[in-house]
Amino acid sequence: MVDIDSQIPTSYDPFADIKDSLAPGDKGYVHLRVQQRNGKKCLTTVQGLKEDFGYQKILKDLKKEFCCNGNVVNDKVLGKVIQLQGDHRKNVMNFLVKSKVVDKDRIKIHGF
């Protein structure tokens, strides 16, 4: 008789060793995304900033710089996320680099 367990291939999970380290901002990347709302309206989200930064202070400066509204959302999975009204991905990237919050090579822009 042939042992059935030895013939069934096991599935390989390439992410098994990093499942514990999937915390937001774990790799040090800051993700800038745009989300379409309704019609021409869109929302820019900034995710992955380190927890020791003052999110409210950064938000205040971003709102003042780009003349838009925004808020900080505390998500269970993603942590703190900054939301801005309008598509400000490139502006936010330039602002974060200019103010030395994060290096340019640690920013990833997503969307359209």
Protein backbone atom coordinates (compact mmCIF):
# COMPACT_ATOMS: atom_id res chain seq x y z
CA MET A 1 0.00 0.00 0.00
CA VAL A 2 1.18 3.53 -0.77
CA ASP A 3 1.18 6.20 1.91
CA ILE A 4 -1.21 8.92 0.71
CA ASP A 5 0.35 11.66 2.84
CA SER A 6 3.63 11.38 0.98
CA GLN A 7 1.94 11.89 -2.42
CA ILE A 8 -0.04 15.03 -1.62
CA PRO A 9 2.08 18.10 -2.23
CA THR A 10 1.90 20.70 0.49
CA SER A 11 1.16 24.28 -0.37
CA TYR A 12 4.01 26.73 -0.02
CA ASP A 13 3.29 30.10 1.54
CA PRO A 14 6.01 32.61 0.57
CA PHE A 15 4.76 35.12 3.14
CA ALA A 16 4.65 32.73 6.11
CA ASP A 17 7.82 34.11 7.68
CA ILE A 18 6.75 37.78 7.52
CA LYS A 19 3.11 37.57 8.59
CA ASP A 20 4.01 38.77 12.07
CA SER A 21 5.86 41.83 10.77
CA LEU A 22 3.09 43.29 8.59
CA ALA A 23 2.63 46.31 10.81
CA PRO A 24 1.94 49.54 8.93
CA GLY A 25 5.13 51.38 8.16
CA ASP A 26 7.19 48.30 9.03
CA LYS A 27 9.46 48.57 6.01
CA GLY A 28 9.74 52.31 6.42
CA TYR A 29 7.74 53.21 3.30
CA VAL A 30 5.21 56.02 3.22
CA HIS A 31 2.31 55.29 0.86
CA LEU A 32 0.49 58.11 -0.89
CA ARG A 33 -2.80 57.02 -2.44
CA VAL A 34 -5.71 58.69 -4.18
CA GLN A 35 -9.27 57.41 -3.84
CA GLN A 36 -12.09 58.44 -6.13
CA ARG A 37 -15.15 59.60 -4.21
CA ASN A 38 -18.02 60.74 -6.39
CA GLY A 39 -17.77 62.52 -9.70
CA LYS A 40 -14.61 64.59 -9.84
CA LYS A 41 -13.99 64.54 -6.09
CA CYS A 42 -11.06 62.54 -4.76
CA LEU A 43 -9.24 61.91 -1.50
CA THR A 44 -5.48 61.69 -0.87
CA THR A 45 -4.32 59.36 1.92
CA VAL A 46 -0.92 59.32 3.60
CA GLN A 47 -0.09 56.05 5.35
CA GLY A 48 3.04 54.66 6.94
CA LEU A 49 4.46 57.63 8.81
CA LYS A 50 6.21 56.70 12.01
CA GLU A 51 4.10 56.79 15.15
CA ASP A 52 6.39 59.27 16.93
CA PHE A 53 5.49 62.07 14.47
CA GLY A 54 2.81 64.55 15.47
CA TYR A 55 0.08 63.68 12.97
CA GLN A 56 -2.03 66.70 13.91
CA LYS A 57 0.89 69.07 13.38
CA ILE A 58 1.73 67.55 9.99
CA LEU A 59 -1.94 67.70 9.01
CA LYS A 60 -2.18 71.35 10.05
CA ASP A 61 0.85 72.24 7.92
CA LEU A 62 -0.44 70.24 4.94
CA LYS A 63 -3.85 71.90 5.12
CA LYS A 64 -2.29 75.34 5.31
CA GLU A 65 0.17 74.65 2.48
CA PHE A 66 -2.35 73.19 0.00
CA CYS A 67 -5.50 75.14 1.02
CA CYS A 68 -7.57 72.01 1.53
CA ASN A 69 -9.42 70.24 4.33
CA GLY A 70 -8.35 66.98 5.93
CA ASN A 71 -8.33 64.80 9.03
CA VAL A 72 -6.51 61.98 10.77
CA VAL A 73 -8.29 58.62 10.78
CA ASN A 74 -7.31 55.91 13.25
CA ASP A 75 -7.75 52.59 11.42
CA LYS A 76 -7.55 49.24 13.21
CA VAL A 77 -5.38 47.63 10.53
CA LEU A 78 -3.49 50.53 8.99
CA GLY A 79 -2.94 52.65 12.06
CA LYS A 80 -3.15 56.42 11.72
CA VAL A 81 -3.89 57.67 8.20
CA ILE A 82 -3.93 61.29 7.07
CA GLN A 83 -6.72 62.13 4.61
CA LEU A 84 -6.74 65.27 2.45
CA GLN A 85 -9.42 66.50 0.08
CA GLY A 86 -8.23 66.55 -3.53
CA ASP A 87 -5.38 64.90 -5.41
CA HIS A 88 -2.24 66.14 -3.62
CA ARG A 89 0.06 63.11 -4.00
CA LYS A 90 2.97 64.94 -5.66
CA ASN A 91 2.52 68.01 -3.45
CA VAL A 92 2.57 65.88 -0.29
CA MET A 93 5.65 64.01 -1.51
CA ASN A 94 7.51 67.29 -2.11
CA PHE A 95 6.35 68.63 1.27
CA LEU A 96 7.51 65.53 3.19
CA VAL A 97 10.90 65.57 1.45
CA LYS A 98 11.36 69.32 1.89
CA SER A 99 10.49 69.19 5.59
CA LYS A 100 12.79 66.13 6.03
CA VAL A 101 10.06 63.91 7.47
CA VAL A 102 10.98 61.07 5.10
CA ASP A 103 13.50 60.46 2.29
CA LYS A 104 12.30 60.56 -1.31
CA ASP A 105 13.27 56.92 -1.96
CA ARG A 106 11.02 55.78 0.94
CA ILE A 107 7.84 57.23 -0.62
CA LYS A 108 5.56 55.17 -2.86
CA ILE A 109 2.85 56.87 -4.91
CA HIS A 110 -0.20 54.76 -5.84
CA GLY A 111 -3.24 55.46 -7.99
CA PHE A 112 -4.36 56.41 -11.48
